[in-house]
All heavy atoms as atom14 arrays in JSON, in Angstrom:
{
  "sequence": "NAYIFPGLSLGVLACKITKLPDNMFLVAARA",
  "atom14_mask": [
    [1, 1, 1, 1, 1, 1, 1, 1, 0, 0, 0, 0, 0, 0],
    [1, 1, 1, 1, 1, 0, 0, 0, 0, 0, 0, 0, 0, 0],
    [1, 1, 1, 1, 1, 1, 1, 1, 1, 1, 1, 1, 0, 0],
    [1, 1, 1, 1, 1, 1, 1, 1, 0, 0, 0, 0, 0, 0],
    [1, 1, 1, 1, 1, 1, 1, 1, 1, 1, 1, 0, 0, 0],
    [1, 1, 1, 1, 1, 1, 1, 0, 0, 0, 0, 0, 0, 0],
    [1, 1, 1, 1, 0, 0, 0, 0, 0, 0, 0, 0, 0, 0],
    [1, 1, 1, 1, 1, 1, 1, 1, 0, 0, 0, 0, 0, 0],
    [1, 1, 1, 1, 1, 1, 0, 0, 0, 0, 0, 0, 0, 0],
    [1, 1, 1, 1, 1, 1, 1, 1, 0, 0, 0, 0, 0, 0],
    [1, 1, 1, 1, 0, 0, 0, 0, 0, 0, 0, 0, 0, 0],
    [1, 1, 1, 1, 1, 1, 1, 0, 0, 0, 0, 0, 0, 0],
    [1, 1, 1, 1, 1, 1, 1, 1, 0, 0, 0, 0, 0, 0],
    [1, 1, 1, 1, 1, 0, 0, 0, 0, 0, 0, 0, 0, 0],
    [1, 1, 1, 1, 1, 1, 0, 0, 0, 0, 0, 0, 0, 0],
    [1, 1, 1, 1, 1, 1, 1, 1, 1, 0, 0, 0, 0, 0],
    [1, 1, 1, 1, 1, 1, 1, 1, 0, 0, 0, 0, 0, 0],
    [1, 1, 1, 1, 1, 1, 1, 0, 0, 0, 0, 0, 0, 0],
    [1, 1, 1, 1, 1, 1, 1, 1, 1, 0, 0, 0, 0, 0],
    [1, 1, 1, 1, 1, 1, 1, 1, 0, 0, 0, 0, 0, 0],
    [1, 1, 1, 1, 1, 1, 1, 0, 0, 0, 0, 0, 0, 0],
    [1, 1, 1, 1, 1, 1, 1, 1, 0, 0, 0, 0, 0, 0],
    [1, 1, 1, 1, 1, 1, 1, 1, 0, 0, 0, 0, 0, 0],
    [1, 1, 1, 1, 1, 1, 1, 1, 0, 0, 0, 0, 0, 0],
    [1, 1, 1, 1, 1, 1, 1, 1, 1, 1, 1, 0, 0, 0],
    [1, 1, 1, 1, 1, 1, 1, 1, 0, 0, 0, 0, 0, 0],
    [1, 1, 1, 1, 1, 1, 1, 0, 0, 0, 0, 0, 0, 0],
    [1, 1, 1, 1, 1, 0, 0, 0, 0, 0, 0, 0, 0, 0],
    [1, 1, 1, 1, 1, 0, 0, 0, 0, 0, 0, 0, 0, 0],
    [1, 1, 1, 1, 1, 1, 1, 1, 1, 1, 1, 0, 0, 0],
    [1, 1, 1, 1, 1, 0, 0, 0, 0, 0, 0, 0, 0, 0]
  ],
  "atom14_positions": [
    [[5.46, 7.14, 16.25], [5.04, 7.19, 14.85], [5.34, 5.9, 14.09], [4.76, 5.65, 13.04], [5.74, 8.34, 14.12], [5.27, 9.7, 14.57], [4.73, 9.83, 15.67], [5.46, 10.71, 13.75], [0.0, 0.0, 0.0], [0.0, 0.0, 0.0], [0.0, 0.0, 0.0], [0.0, 0.0, 0.0], [0.0, 0.0, 0.0], [0.0, 0.0, 0.0]],
    [[6.23, 5.08, 14.63], [6.56, 3.82, 13.96], [5.36, 2.89, 13.87], [5.36, 1.94, 13.1], [7.71, 3.12, 14.69], [0.0, 0.0, 0.0], [0.0, 0.0, 0.0], [0.0, 0.0, 0.0], [0.0, 0.0, 0.0], [0.0, 0.0, 0.0], [0.0, 0.0, 0.0], [0.0, 0.0, 0.0], [0.0, 0.0, 0.0], [0.0, 0.0, 0.0]],
    [[4.31, 3.18, 14.65], [3.08, 2.4, 14.53], [2.27, 2.82, 13.3], [1.32, 2.13, 12.94], [2.21, 2.58, 15.78], [2.58, 1.68, 16.92], [3.06, 2.22, 18.12], [2.44, 0.3, 16.84], [3.39, 1.41, 19.19], [2.78, -0.52, 17.91], [3.24, 0.04, 19.08], [3.56, -0.78, 20.14], [0.0, 0.0, 0.0], [0.0, 0.0, 0.0]],
    [[2.6, 3.96, 12.7], [1.79, 4.48, 11.59], [2.54, 4.53, 10.26], [2.13, 3.91, 9.28], [1.22, 5.88, 11.93], [0.15, 5.77, 13.02], [0.63, 6.54, 10.68], [-1.14, 5.09, 12.59], [0.0, 0.0, 0.0], [0.0, 0.0, 0.0], [0.0, 0.0, 0.0], [0.0, 0.0, 0.0], [0.0, 0.0, 0.0], [0.0, 0.0, 0.0]],
    [[3.64, 5.3, 10.21], [4.2, 5.6, 8.89], [4.74, 4.37, 8.14], [4.62, 4.31, 6.92], [5.25, 6.72, 8.96], [6.55, 6.37, 9.63], [7.55, 5.68, 8.97], [6.79, 6.78, 10.94], [8.75, 5.37, 9.59], [7.98, 6.48, 11.57], [8.97, 5.76, 10.89], [0.0, 0.0, 0.0], [0.0, 0.0, 0.0], [0.0, 0.0, 0.0]],
    [[5.29, 3.34, 8.81], [5.73, 2.18, 8.02], [4.56, 1.43, 7.38], [4.61, 1.06, 6.2], [6.46, 1.31, 9.05], [6.89, 2.27, 10.13], [5.76, 3.24, 10.2], [0.0, 0.0, 0.0], [0.0, 0.0, 0.0], [0.0, 0.0, 0.0], [0.0, 0.0, 0.0], [0.0, 0.0, 0.0], [0.0, 0.0, 0.0], [0.0, 0.0, 0.0]],
    [[3.47, 1.23, 8.15], [2.31, 0.53, 7.61], [1.63, 1.32, 6.52], [1.23, 0.79, 5.48], [0.0, 0.0, 0.0], [0.0, 0.0, 0.0], [0.0, 0.0, 0.0], [0.0, 0.0, 0.0], [0.0, 0.0, 0.0], [0.0, 0.0, 0.0], [0.0, 0.0, 0.0], [0.0, 0.0, 0.0], [0.0, 0.0, 0.0], [0.0, 0.0, 0.0]],
    [[1.46, 2.62, 6.75], [0.89, 3.49, 5.73], [1.69, 3.41, 4.44], [1.14, 3.25, 3.34], [0.87, 4.93, 6.25], [0.37, 5.99, 5.28], [-1.14, 6.12, 5.35], [1.01, 7.35, 5.58], [0.0, 0.0, 0.0], [0.0, 0.0, 0.0], [0.0, 0.0, 0.0], [0.0, 0.0, 0.0], [0.0, 0.0, 0.0], [0.0, 0.0, 0.0]],
    [[3.01, 3.46, 4.58], [3.88, 3.44, 3.4], [3.86, 2.08, 2.71], [3.91, 2.01, 1.47], [5.31, 3.79, 3.83], [5.33, 5.05, 4.48], [0.0, 0.0, 0.0], [0.0, 0.0, 0.0], [0.0, 0.0, 0.0], [0.0, 0.0, 0.0], [0.0, 0.0, 0.0], [0.0, 0.0, 0.0], [0.0, 0.0, 0.0], [0.0, 0.0, 0.0]],
    [[3.75, 1.01, 3.49], [3.63, -0.32, 2.88], [2.4, -0.37, 2.0], [2.45, -0.9, 0.87], [3.55, -1.38, 3.98], [3.33, -2.83, 3.51], [4.52, -3.33, 2.7], [3.06, -3.74, 4.7], [0.0, 0.0, 0.0], [0.0, 0.0, 0.0], [0.0, 0.0, 0.0], [0.0, 0.0, 0.0], [0.0, 0.0, 0.0], [0.0, 0.0, 0.0]],
    [[1.28, 0.17, 2.47], [0.07, 0.19, 1.66], [0.23, 1.02, 0.4], [-0.21, 0.62, -0.69], [0.0, 0.0, 0.0], [0.0, 0.0, 0.0], [0.0, 0.0, 0.0], [0.0, 0.0, 0.0], [0.0, 0.0, 0.0], [0.0, 0.0, 0.0], [0.0, 0.0, 0.0], [0.0, 0.0, 0.0], [0.0, 0.0, 0.0], [0.0, 0.0, 0.0]],
    [[0.88, 2.18, 0.53], [1.11, 3.04, -0.63], [1.9, 2.3, -1.71], [1.56, 2.33, -2.89], [1.86, 4.32, -0.21], [2.29, 5.12, -1.44], [0.97, 5.18, 0.68], [0.0, 0.0, 0.0], [0.0, 0.0, 0.0], [0.0, 0.0, 0.0], [0.0, 0.0, 0.0], [0.0, 0.0, 0.0], [0.0, 0.0, 0.0], [0.0, 0.0, 0.0]],
    [[2.96, 1.61, -1.29], [3.81, 0.92, -2.25], [3.14, -0.32, -2.82], [3.23, -0.59, -4.02], [5.15, 0.53, -1.6], [6.25, 1.59, -1.64], [5.87, 2.85, -0.89], [7.55, 1.02, -1.07], [0.0, 0.0, 0.0], [0.0, 0.0, 0.0], [0.0, 0.0, 0.0], [0.0, 0.0, 0.0], [0.0, 0.0, 0.0], [0.0, 0.0, 0.0]],
    [[2.46, -1.08, -1.94], [1.89, -2.36, -2.36], [0.82, -2.19, -3.43], [0.69, -3.03, -4.33], [1.32, -3.1, -1.15], [0.0, 0.0, 0.0], [0.0, 0.0, 0.0], [0.0, 0.0, 0.0], [0.0, 0.0, 0.0], [0.0, 0.0, 0.0], [0.0, 0.0, 0.0], [0.0, 0.0, 0.0], [0.0, 0.0, 0.0], [0.0, 0.0, 0.0]],
    [[0.03, -1.12, -3.35], [-1.07, -0.91, -4.3], [-0.88, 0.32, -5.18], [-1.8, 0.74, -5.88], [-2.4, -0.86, -3.57], [-2.89, -2.47, -2.88], [0.0, 0.0, 0.0], [0.0, 0.0, 0.0], [0.0, 0.0, 0.0], [0.0, 0.0, 0.0], [0.0, 0.0, 0.0], [0.0, 0.0, 0.0], [0.0, 0.0, 0.0], [0.0, 0.0, 0.0]],
    [[0.31, 0.89, -5.14], [0.69, 2.02, -5.99], [-0.31, 3.18, -5.86], [-0.91, 3.64, -6.83], [0.81, 1.57, -7.45], [1.92, 0.54, -7.66], [2.14, 0.21, -9.13], [3.31, -0.75, -9.29], [3.57, -1.08, -10.7], [0.0, 0.0, 0.0], [0.0, 0.0, 0.0], [0.0, 0.0, 0.0], [0.0, 0.0, 0.0], [0.0, 0.0, 0.0]],
    [[-0.45, 3.65, -4.63], [-1.34, 4.79, -4.33], [-0.68, 6.09, -4.8], [0.53, 6.27, -4.66], [-1.65, 4.82, -2.83], [-2.57, 3.65, -2.47], [-2.26, 6.14, -2.4], [-2.81, 3.46, -0.99], [0.0, 0.0, 0.0], [0.0, 0.0, 0.0], [0.0, 0.0, 0.0], [0.0, 0.0, 0.0], [0.0, 0.0, 0.0], [0.0, 0.0, 0.0]],
    [[-1.47, 6.98, -5.35], [-0.93, 8.21, -5.94], [-1.21, 9.47, -5.13], [-0.68, 10.54, -5.46], [-1.5, 8.41, -7.35], [-2.93, 8.51, -7.26], [-1.13, 7.25, -8.27], [0.0, 0.0, 0.0], [0.0, 0.0, 0.0], [0.0, 0.0, 0.0], [0.0, 0.0, 0.0], [0.0, 0.0, 0.0], [0.0, 0.0, 0.0], [0.0, 0.0, 0.0]],
    [[-2.04, 9.37, -4.09], [-2.38, 10.57, -3.31], [-2.77, 10.14, -1.9], [-3.35, 9.07, -1.7], [-3.54, 11.32, -3.97], [-3.8, 12.7, -3.41], [-4.99, 13.36, -4.08], [-4.73, 13.69, -5.53], [-5.86, 14.47, -6.12], [0.0, 0.0, 0.0], [0.0, 0.0, 0.0], [0.0, 0.0, 0.0], [0.0, 0.0, 0.0], [0.0, 0.0, 0.0]],
    [[-2.47, 11.0, -0.91], [-2.76, 10.68, 0.49], [-3.6, 11.8, 1.11], [-3.08, 12.66, 1.83], [-1.45, 10.5, 1.27], [-0.68, 9.22, 0.96], [0.7, 9.26, 1.61], [-1.45, 7.99, 1.43], [0.0, 0.0, 0.0], [0.0, 0.0, 0.0], [0.0, 0.0, 0.0], [0.0, 0.0, 0.0], [0.0, 0.0, 0.0], [0.0, 0.0, 0.0]],
    [[-4.91, 11.79, 0.87], [-5.77, 12.78, 1.53], [-5.85, 12.52, 3.02], [-5.47, 11.45, 3.52], [-7.13, 12.56, 0.85], [-7.08, 11.16, 0.35], [-5.66, 10.88, 0.0], [0.0, 0.0, 0.0], [0.0, 0.0, 0.0], [0.0, 0.0, 0.0], [0.0, 0.0, 0.0], [0.0, 0.0, 0.0], [0.0, 0.0, 0.0], [0.0, 0.0, 0.0]],
    [[-6.38, 13.49, 3.76], [-6.44, 13.4, 5.23], [-7.14, 12.13, 5.7], [-6.79, 11.57, 6.74], [-7.15, 14.62, 5.81], [-6.24, 15.84, 5.87], [-5.01, 15.66, 5.85], [-6.77, 16.97, 5.94], [0.0, 0.0, 0.0], [0.0, 0.0, 0.0], [0.0, 0.0, 0.0], [0.0, 0.0, 0.0], [0.0, 0.0, 0.0], [0.0, 0.0, 0.0]],
    [[-8.14, 11.68, 4.95], [-8.91, 10.53, 5.4], [-8.05, 9.27, 5.5], [-8.38, 8.35, 6.27], [-10.1, 10.28, 4.47], [-11.22, 9.56, 5.17], [-11.65, 9.98, 6.24], [-11.68, 8.45, 4.62], [0.0, 0.0, 0.0], [0.0, 0.0, 0.0], [0.0, 0.0, 0.0], [0.0, 0.0, 0.0], [0.0, 0.0, 0.0], [0.0, 0.0, 0.0]],
    [[-6.95, 9.22, 4.75], [-6.04, 8.08, 4.86], [-5.49, 7.96, 6.28], [-5.26, 6.85, 6.78], [-4.88, 8.24, 3.87], [-5.24, 7.99, 2.42], [-5.61, 6.26, 2.1], [-5.57, 6.27, 0.3], [0.0, 0.0, 0.0], [0.0, 0.0, 0.0], [0.0, 0.0, 0.0], [0.0, 0.0, 0.0], [0.0, 0.0, 0.0], [0.0, 0.0, 0.0]],
    [[-5.26, 9.09, 6.92], [-4.68, 9.07, 8.27], [-5.74, 8.73, 9.32], [-5.43, 8.11, 10.33], [-3.98, 10.39, 8.54], [-2.82, 10.61, 7.6], [-2.99, 11.26, 6.39], [-1.57, 10.11, 7.9], [-1.93, 11.42, 5.5], [-0.51, 10.26, 7.03], [-0.69, 10.91, 5.82], [0.0, 0.0, 0.0], [0.0, 0.0, 0.0], [0.0, 0.0, 0.0]],
    [[-7.0, 9.1, 9.05], [-8.09, 8.63, 9.9], [-8.22, 7.12, 9.81], [-8.37, 6.43, 10.82], [-9.41, 9.27, 9.46], [-9.76, 10.66, 9.99], [-11.06, 11.15, 9.36], [-9.87, 10.66, 11.49], [0.0, 0.0, 0.0], [0.0, 0.0, 0.0], [0.0, 0.0, 0.0], [0.0, 0.0, 0.0], [0.0, 0.0, 0.0], [0.0, 0.0, 0.0]],
    [[-8.13, 6.61, 8.6], [-8.2, 5.16, 8.37], [-7.06, 4.45, 9.1], [-7.27, 3.43, 9.77], [-8.17, 4.85, 6.87], [-7.92, 3.36, 6.61], [-9.47, 5.29, 6.2], [0.0, 0.0, 0.0], [0.0, 0.0, 0.0], [0.0, 0.0, 0.0], [0.0, 0.0, 0.0], [0.0, 0.0, 0.0], [0.0, 0.0, 0.0], [0.0, 0.0, 0.0]],
    [[-5.85, 4.98, 8.98], [-4.69, 4.37, 9.63], [-4.83, 4.4, 11.15], [-4.51, 3.41, 11.83], [-3.41, 5.09, 9.2], [0.0, 0.0, 0.0], [0.0, 0.0, 0.0], [0.0, 0.0, 0.0], [0.0, 0.0, 0.0], [0.0, 0.0, 0.0], [0.0, 0.0, 0.0], [0.0, 0.0, 0.0], [0.0, 0.0, 0.0], [0.0, 0.0, 0.0]],
    [[-5.34, 5.51, 11.7], [-5.52, 5.62, 13.15], [-6.54, 4.61, 13.65], [-6.34, 3.95, 14.68], [-5.96, 7.05, 13.51], [0.0, 0.0, 0.0], [0.0, 0.0, 0.0], [0.0, 0.0, 0.0], [0.0, 0.0, 0.0], [0.0, 0.0, 0.0], [0.0, 0.0, 0.0], [0.0, 0.0, 0.0], [0.0, 0.0, 0.0], [0.0, 0.0, 0.0]],
    [[-7.64, 4.48, 12.92], [-8.67, 3.51, 13.33], [-8.14, 2.08, 13.22], [-8.45, 1.23, 14.07], [-9.92, 3.69, 12.46], [-10.66, 5.0, 12.74], [-12.03, 4.98, 12.07], [-12.76, 6.21, 12.36], [-13.0, 7.16, 11.46], [-12.56, 7.03, 10.22], [-13.68, 8.24, 11.8], [0.0, 0.0, 0.0], [0.0, 0.0, 0.0], [0.0, 0.0, 0.0]],
    [[-7.38, 1.82, 12.17], [-6.81, 0.47, 12.0], [-5.86, 0.14, 13.15], [-5.82, -1.0, 13.62], [-6.09, 0.38, 10.67], [0.0, 0.0, 0.0], [0.0, 0.0, 0.0], [0.0, 0.0, 0.0], [0.0, 0.0, 0.0], [0.0, 0.0, 0.0], [0.0, 0.0, 0.0], [0.0, 0.0, 0.0], [0.0, 0.0, 0.0], [0.0, 0.0, 0.0]]
  ]
}
């Protein structure tokens, strides 16, 4: 999971994201 949750969280913090719908995880997996 270290391949996903740190990067996902960096994006959330960097751009001040307020919600994480399922599609965010599809995007992270493809990235």
